[in-house]
Amino acid sequence: MDIKIYYTPTCPYCIQAKKYFDKKKIAYTDFNVVADKEKAQEMIDLSGQMGVPVIKIDNKIIIGFDQEEIDKALK
């Protein structure tokens, strides 16, 4: 399973999302879209928006910290 989190360091929902994956001991790759403009553009291309977090679980895109959608995608 390939999980990517596009985030900003000051976003409380981004922090919640990362903590949720850490608590479940699920590995992910995170990208700070403030520091990495290429990843910011990749996030916009994937989601069609600039809001964070954008979570990509395999080919599913989840916008925001939507625990129910995350759990569905993890099954």
Protein backbone atom coordinates (compact mmCIF):
# COMPACT_ATOMS: atom_id res chain seq x y z
CA MET A 1 0.00 0.00 0.00
CA ASP A 2 1.39 3.38 -1.04
CA ILE A 3 0.36 6.30 1.19
CA LYS A 4 1.32 9.92 0.63
CA ILE A 5 0.33 12.93 2.71
CA TYR A 6 0.67 16.42 1.28
CA TYR A 7 0.72 18.85 4.22
CA THR A 8 1.76 22.18 5.66
CA PRO A 9 3.51 22.32 9.04
CA THR A 10 0.92 24.66 10.61
CA CYS A 11 -2.20 22.78 9.47
CA PRO A 12 -3.92 21.15 12.48
CA TYR A 13 -5.75 18.62 10.27
CA CYS A 14 -2.46 17.61 8.68
CA ILE A 15 -0.98 17.00 12.12
CA GLN A 16 -4.05 14.95 13.10
CA ALA A 17 -3.78 12.86 9.93
CA LYS A 18 -0.09 12.10 10.47
CA LYS A 19 -0.71 11.22 14.14
CA TYR A 20 -3.55 8.91 13.08
CA PHE A 21 -1.28 6.96 10.71
CA ASP A 22 1.49 6.90 13.33
CA LYS A 23 -0.93 5.56 15.98
CA LYS A 24 -2.01 2.77 13.59
CA LYS A 25 1.68 2.11 12.78
CA ILE A 26 1.02 2.64 9.06
CA ALA A 27 3.96 3.86 7.00
CA TYR A 28 3.50 6.89 4.79
CA THR A 29 5.54 9.44 2.90
CA ASP A 30 4.82 13.06 3.66
CA PHE A 31 5.51 16.14 1.58
CA ASN A 32 5.66 19.67 2.98
CA VAL A 33 4.03 21.62 0.17
CA VAL A 34 5.27 24.93 1.57
CA ALA A 35 8.90 23.88 1.20
CA ASP A 36 8.52 21.76 -1.96
CA LYS A 37 6.87 23.63 -4.82
CA GLU A 38 7.03 20.59 -7.16
CA LYS A 39 5.09 18.50 -4.64
CA ALA A 40 2.65 21.39 -4.16
CA GLN A 41 1.93 21.35 -7.89
CA GLU A 42 1.64 17.54 -7.82
CA MET A 43 -0.92 17.86 -5.02
CA ILE A 44 -2.92 20.43 -7.01
CA ASP A 45 -2.81 18.20 -10.10
CA LEU A 46 -4.06 15.22 -8.06
CA SER A 47 -6.79 16.96 -6.09
CA GLY A 48 -7.71 20.00 -8.13
CA GLN A 49 -7.29 22.26 -5.11
CA MET A 50 -4.79 23.88 -2.77
CA GLY A 51 -6.31 22.82 0.56
CA VAL A 52 -4.40 20.45 2.83
CA PRO A 53 -4.07 17.75 3.82
CA VAL A 54 -4.40 15.76 0.63
CA ILE A 55 -3.96 12.08 1.33
CA LYS A 56 -3.31 9.59 -1.45
CA ILE A 57 -3.84 5.93 -0.57
CA ASP A 58 -2.88 3.90 -3.62
CA ASN A 59 -5.06 5.61 -6.27
CA LYS A 60 -7.67 7.10 -3.89
CA ILE A 61 -7.48 10.81 -3.12
CA ILE A 62 -8.86 12.01 0.22
CA ILE A 63 -9.11 15.72 0.86
CA GLY A 64 -8.87 16.76 4.50
CA PHE A 65 -8.64 14.50 7.54
CA ASP A 66 -11.65 12.29 6.85
CA GLN A 67 -11.09 9.35 9.18
CA GLU A 68 -14.02 7.35 7.79
CA GLU A 69 -12.74 7.65 4.21
CA ILE A 70 -9.19 6.86 5.33
CA ASP A 71 -10.37 3.70 7.09
CA LYS A 72 -12.34 2.62 4.00
CA ALA A 73 -9.32 3.15 1.78
CA LEU A 74 -7.07 1.19 4.15
CA LYS A 75 -9.25 -1.94 3.99
